[in-house]
Amino acid sequence: MAKVKIQGHASGTGVLTVTAPNTSTDRTITLPDSTGTILDENSSLPAGNLTGNLPAIDGSNLTGVAPTKSVVEALGIDVPATNLTGTVPTASLGSGTADADSFLRGDGAWEAAGGGKIIGYQYSTDTTYREGTAGSEAVTGLTFAYTPSAVTSRLFVSLAFSAKSWGITVSNIILRWRVRTGTTTGGTELFNTHFAMYNGGNPPQTDSFLAGQNYSFIHHPNTTSAQNYCLTCEDGGDALEWSINTVPSFATISILEIDGS
């Protein structure tokens, strides 16, 4: 049978008292089968001796503690946004790569901004006076060009010019203006409109009509090759001649390249 031995200290003079609790129940204290020191509430415990999982920790009562980001994440502590100072790293806000051309989606991912951005611009003028005889569709000589920077680009084109037409003993003066790709009447039609004056069936001997024209359209060339455009004119009824850019007016062409990705 193993024995229990209580041994005093040769140098000490204090009296150690073992006190029983106020209980009517039999208790048994089992000593470990090892050499060591019994711990109490004043003892320290090396972290290396801990085993198993720690219980959930309530950090609300901690004071004087400045935990690192990794500690906060490991403990699952929620930090109110009002307590944040400085700049939050973009990598902590969402996944993906954040830069000057990206935005943070609602699902927490960085994505490149696209669609609707203006990525190119061109403005030009045409001051040359041009005139011709009304009849079948013909080029006016007013041309312009633009080279898209991306296949997905959309080109918003705005063309403004002054137009004049006249006739002799006519009831109506009607012209049709078109914008086509290329430099001939065989190009793809991108825009067309009528320019007209009606006299109600009472033709004067000579009549002319001068007015400013402003036309806009969107073109998707689907290429990065240079795009050419031309303005054409066609008689729509009783017009004899036409002209554009009557002095001192001139034509203006504005092109916005829009990111269509």
Protein backbone atom coordinates (compact mmCIF):
# COMPACT_ATOMS: atom_id res chain seq x y z
CA MET A 1 0.00 0.00 0.00
CA ALA A 2 1.31 3.45 -0.93
CA LYS A 3 1.82 5.80 1.97
CA VAL A 4 1.05 9.53 2.38
CA LYS A 5 3.85 11.52 3.99
CA ILE A 6 3.61 15.16 5.02
CA GLN A 7 7.10 16.53 5.49
CA GLY A 8 7.93 19.84 7.07
CA HIS A 9 10.61 22.25 5.86
CA ALA A 10 13.86 22.27 7.85
CA SER A 11 14.25 26.07 7.64
CA GLY A 12 10.65 27.19 7.98
CA THR A 13 8.94 28.22 11.20
CA GLY A 14 5.39 28.71 9.95
CA VAL A 15 2.53 26.39 10.71
CA LEU A 16 0.58 24.98 7.72
CA THR A 17 -3.02 24.22 8.51
CA VAL A 18 -5.19 21.91 6.42
CA THR A 19 -8.77 23.03 6.96
CA ALA A 20 -11.82 20.99 6.08
CA PRO A 21 -14.76 22.71 4.37
CA ASN A 22 -18.19 22.97 5.96
CA THR A 23 -19.68 19.85 4.40
CA SER A 24 -21.46 16.68 5.42
CA THR A 25 -20.42 14.79 2.32
CA ASP A 26 -17.42 12.51 2.11
CA ARG A 27 -14.79 13.79 -0.34
CA THR A 28 -11.73 12.12 -1.82
CA ILE A 29 -8.71 14.03 -3.11
CA THR A 30 -6.68 11.96 -5.55
CA LEU A 31 -3.06 12.97 -5.95
CA PRO A 32 -1.42 12.61 -9.39
CA ASP A 33 1.13 9.89 -9.88
CA SER A 34 3.90 12.33 -10.68
CA THR A 35 6.33 14.73 -9.04
CA GLY A 36 5.26 18.38 -9.14
CA THR A 37 3.77 21.32 -7.33
CA ILE A 38 0.08 21.73 -6.51
CA LEU A 39 -1.31 24.94 -8.13
CA ASP A 40 -3.72 27.43 -6.60
CA GLU A 41 -5.35 30.68 -7.82
CA ASN A 42 -2.07 32.54 -7.31
CA SER A 43 0.02 30.15 -9.38
CA SER A 44 1.13 30.68 -13.00
CA LEU A 45 0.69 28.05 -15.69
CA PRO A 46 3.09 27.81 -18.66
CA ALA A 47 1.17 28.04 -21.95
CA GLY A 48 3.11 25.04 -23.21
CA ASN A 49 1.35 22.88 -20.64
CA LEU A 50 -2.13 23.67 -21.96
CA THR A 51 -4.00 20.98 -23.92
CA GLY A 52 -7.45 20.81 -25.48
CA ASN A 53 -9.53 23.75 -26.71
CA LEU A 54 -9.94 27.04 -24.88
CA PRO A 55 -13.50 28.11 -24.10
CA ALA A 56 -15.00 31.18 -25.77
CA ILE A 57 -13.38 34.35 -24.49
CA ASP A 58 -15.31 37.54 -23.80
CA GLY A 59 -12.91 40.33 -24.68
CA SER A 60 -15.24 43.14 -23.57
CA ASN A 61 -13.64 43.28 -20.10
CA LEU A 62 -10.05 43.38 -21.34
CA THR A 63 -8.17 46.63 -20.66
CA GLY A 64 -4.74 47.80 -21.64
CA VAL A 65 -4.59 45.29 -24.49
CA ALA A 66 -3.64 46.25 -28.05
CA PRO A 67 -4.17 43.01 -29.99
CA THR A 68 -2.82 42.58 -33.48
CA LYS A 69 -5.04 42.01 -36.52
CA SER A 70 -4.30 38.29 -36.43
CA VAL A 71 -5.29 38.08 -32.75
CA VAL A 72 -8.56 39.93 -33.38
CA GLU A 73 -9.39 37.59 -36.25
CA ALA A 74 -8.43 34.49 -34.27
CA LEU A 75 -10.62 35.51 -31.33
CA GLY A 76 -13.49 36.51 -33.61
CA ILE A 77 -13.77 39.96 -32.07
CA ASP A 78 -16.01 42.39 -33.97
CA VAL A 79 -14.55 45.90 -34.07
CA PRO A 80 -17.18 48.66 -34.54
CA ALA A 81 -16.50 50.83 -37.60
CA THR A 82 -16.65 53.93 -35.40
CA ASN A 83 -13.52 52.70 -33.62
CA LEU A 84 -11.46 52.51 -36.80
CA THR A 85 -8.85 55.15 -37.56
CA GLY A 86 -6.52 55.61 -40.50
CA THR A 87 -6.94 53.87 -43.85
CA VAL A 88 -8.23 50.32 -44.20
CA PRO A 89 -6.07 48.32 -46.65
CA THR A 90 -7.90 47.55 -49.89
CA ALA A 91 -7.06 43.86 -49.50
CA SER A 92 -9.11 43.84 -46.26
CA LEU A 93 -12.15 45.30 -48.04
CA GLY A 94 -12.56 42.72 -50.76
CA SER A 95 -10.98 40.06 -52.94
CA GLY A 96 -9.25 40.75 -56.23
CA THR A 97 -6.96 43.58 -57.27
CA ALA A 98 -7.82 47.16 -56.36
CA ASP A 99 -6.47 50.03 -58.47
CA ALA A 100 -7.50 53.38 -59.92
CA ASP A 101 -9.70 51.70 -62.55
CA SER A 102 -11.59 49.23 -60.32
CA PHE A 103 -14.57 49.39 -57.97
CA LEU A 104 -15.77 47.29 -55.02
CA ARG A 105 -18.84 45.23 -55.86
CA GLY A 106 -21.61 44.53 -53.40
CA ASP A 107 -20.41 40.95 -52.95
CA GLY A 108 -17.01 42.15 -51.69
CA ALA A 109 -14.94 41.69 -54.86
CA TRP A 110 -12.85 44.29 -56.70
CA GLU A 111 -13.66 44.53 -60.40
CA ALA A 112 -12.38 46.67 -63.26
CA ALA A 113 -14.73 49.51 -64.07
CA GLY A 114 -16.03 49.22 -67.61
CA GLY A 115 -18.86 50.29 -69.84
CA GLY A 116 -19.76 53.95 -70.18
CA LYS A 117 -16.30 55.43 -69.61
CA ILE A 118 -15.06 58.04 -72.06
CA ILE A 119 -11.72 56.70 -73.31
CA GLY A 120 -11.16 58.94 -76.31
CA TYR A 121 -12.19 62.30 -77.75
CA GLN A 122 -11.70 64.15 -81.02
CA TYR A 123 -12.89 67.56 -82.17
CA SER A 124 -12.40 68.97 -85.64
CA THR A 125 -13.82 71.65 -87.93
CA ASP A 126 -14.48 71.96 -91.64
CA THR A 127 -14.49 75.54 -92.93
CA THR A 128 -14.62 74.82 -96.67
CA TYR A 129 -17.65 76.19 -98.53
CA ARG A 130 -19.19 73.38 -100.56
CA GLU A 131 -22.10 73.39 -103.03
CA GLY A 132 -23.67 71.12 -105.59
CA THR A 133 -26.65 70.45 -107.83
CA ALA A 134 -29.53 68.62 -106.22
CA GLY A 135 -30.37 65.24 -107.69
CA SER A 136 -29.28 61.69 -106.93
CA GLU A 137 -27.34 61.12 -103.72
CA ALA A 138 -23.81 62.50 -103.95
CA VAL A 139 -20.96 63.17 -101.55
CA THR A 140 -20.66 66.73 -100.32
CA GLY A 141 -16.92 66.60 -99.75
CA LEU A 142 -17.25 66.86 -95.98
CA THR A 143 -15.40 63.88 -94.52
CA PHE A 144 -13.85 62.96 -91.15
CA ALA A 145 -12.09 59.99 -89.59
CA TYR A 146 -11.38 58.37 -86.22
CA THR A 147 -9.34 55.36 -85.07
CA PRO A 148 -10.90 53.39 -82.14
CA SER A 149 -8.56 52.18 -79.40
CA ALA A 150 -10.57 49.00 -78.67
CA VAL A 151 -12.77 46.58 -80.58
CA THR A 152 -15.55 47.02 -78.02
CA SER A 153 -15.63 50.82 -78.32
CA ARG A 154 -18.76 52.74 -79.32
CA LEU A 155 -18.31 56.06 -81.13
CA PHE A 156 -20.74 58.86 -80.30
CA VAL A 157 -20.58 61.26 -83.25
CA SER A 158 -22.04 64.77 -83.29
CA LEU A 159 -22.01 66.70 -86.59
CA ALA A 160 -23.14 70.33 -86.86
CA PHE A 161 -23.16 72.45 -90.04
CA SER A 162 -25.19 75.12 -91.85
CA ALA A 163 -27.16 74.00 -94.90
CA LYS A 164 -28.74 76.02 -97.66
CA SER A 165 -30.96 75.07 -100.58
CA TRP A 166 -32.83 77.04 -103.18
CA GLY A 167 -35.16 76.61 -106.15
CA ILE A 168 -37.10 78.59 -108.77
CA THR A 169 -40.89 78.38 -109.08
CA VAL A 170 -41.16 75.39 -106.76
CA SER A 171 -43.71 74.42 -104.12
CA ASN A 172 -41.36 72.58 -101.78
CA ILE A 173 -37.64 72.35 -101.16
CA ILE A 174 -36.58 69.02 -99.68
CA LEU A 175 -33.08 67.61 -99.22
CA ARG A 176 -31.98 64.38 -97.56
CA TRP A 177 -28.71 64.41 -95.68
CA ARG A 178 -26.92 61.16 -94.84
CA VAL A 179 -23.79 60.14 -92.97
CA ARG A 180 -22.12 57.02 -94.38
CA THR A 181 -19.01 55.02 -93.61
CA GLY A 182 -16.16 55.44 -96.06
CA THR A 183 -15.90 58.32 -98.55
CA THR A 184 -18.53 57.35 -101.17
CA THR A 185 -22.29 56.87 -101.39
CA GLY A 186 -21.68 53.11 -101.27
CA GLY A 187 -20.77 53.11 -97.58
CA THR A 188 -23.03 51.89 -94.78
CA GLU A 189 -25.72 54.42 -93.90
CA LEU A 190 -25.41 55.46 -90.24
CA PHE A 191 -27.81 58.38 -90.18
CA ASN A 192 -30.27 60.18 -92.48
CA THR A 193 -32.73 63.03 -92.13
CA HIS A 194 -34.76 65.47 -94.25
CA PHE A 195 -34.12 69.19 -94.56
CA ALA A 196 -37.25 70.81 -95.99
CA MET A 197 -39.39 73.88 -96.52
CA TYR A 198 -43.01 73.66 -97.65
CA ASN A 199 -44.81 76.54 -99.42
CA GLY A 200 -48.36 75.20 -99.25
CA GLY A 201 -48.76 74.87 -103.04
CA ASN A 202 -48.13 78.57 -103.73
CA PRO A 203 -44.64 78.60 -105.20
CA PRO A 204 -42.75 81.86 -105.33
CA GLN A 205 -40.52 82.65 -108.29
CA THR A 206 -37.33 82.08 -106.32
CA ASP A 207 -36.94 80.59 -102.85
CA SER A 208 -34.02 79.65 -100.62
CA PHE A 209 -33.72 78.09 -97.20
CA LEU A 210 -30.76 78.36 -94.78
CA ALA A 211 -30.67 76.69 -91.39
CA GLY A 212 -28.25 75.11 -88.95
CA GLN A 213 -28.16 71.33 -88.77
CA ASN A 214 -27.04 69.24 -85.79
CA TYR A 215 -27.05 65.45 -86.04
CA SER A 216 -25.82 62.78 -83.59
CA PHE A 217 -25.51 59.02 -83.85
CA ILE A 218 -23.64 56.05 -82.30
CA HIS A 219 -21.44 53.74 -84.34
CA HIS A 220 -19.91 50.42 -83.25
CA PRO A 221 -17.17 49.69 -85.80
CA ASN A 222 -16.05 46.48 -84.00
CA THR A 223 -12.43 47.11 -85.05
CA THR A 224 -9.39 49.19 -84.19
CA SER A 225 -8.83 50.17 -87.82
CA ALA A 226 -9.29 53.82 -88.87
CA GLN A 227 -12.93 54.71 -89.61
CA ASN A 228 -13.82 57.17 -92.37
CA TYR A 229 -17.15 58.98 -92.61
CA CYS A 230 -18.73 61.25 -95.25
CA LEU A 231 -21.76 63.53 -95.53
CA THR A 232 -23.95 63.03 -98.61
CA CYS A 233 -26.90 64.97 -100.04
CA GLU A 234 -29.88 63.88 -102.17
CA ASP A 235 -32.78 65.84 -103.67
CA GLY A 236 -36.04 64.96 -101.99
CA GLY A 237 -38.28 67.23 -104.04
CA ASP A 238 -37.95 70.43 -106.16
CA ALA A 239 -34.56 71.56 -104.82
CA LEU A 240 -32.16 72.84 -107.47
CA GLU A 241 -28.93 73.35 -105.57
CA TRP A 242 -27.47 72.97 -102.10
CA SER A 243 -24.56 74.36 -100.12
CA ILE A 244 -22.95 73.92 -96.72
CA ASN A 245 -20.62 76.10 -94.64
CA THR A 246 -21.93 79.38 -96.00
CA VAL A 247 -19.55 82.09 -94.79
CA PRO A 248 -19.05 82.81 -91.92
CA SER A 249 -20.38 79.46 -90.65
CA PHE A 250 -18.41 76.21 -90.53
CA ALA A 251 -18.96 72.56 -89.64
CA THR A 252 -17.90 70.99 -86.34
CA ILE A 253 -17.38 67.28 -85.72
CA SER A 254 -17.13 65.87 -82.17
CA ILE A 255 -16.41 62.20 -81.50
CA LEU A 256 -16.53 60.55 -78.07
CA GLU A 257 -15.09 57.04 -77.78
CA ILE A 258 -17.06 55.11 -75.15
CA ASP A 259 -15.82 51.94 -73.45
CA GLY A 260 -18.31 49.27 -74.45
CA SER A 261 -16.77 46.35 -72.52
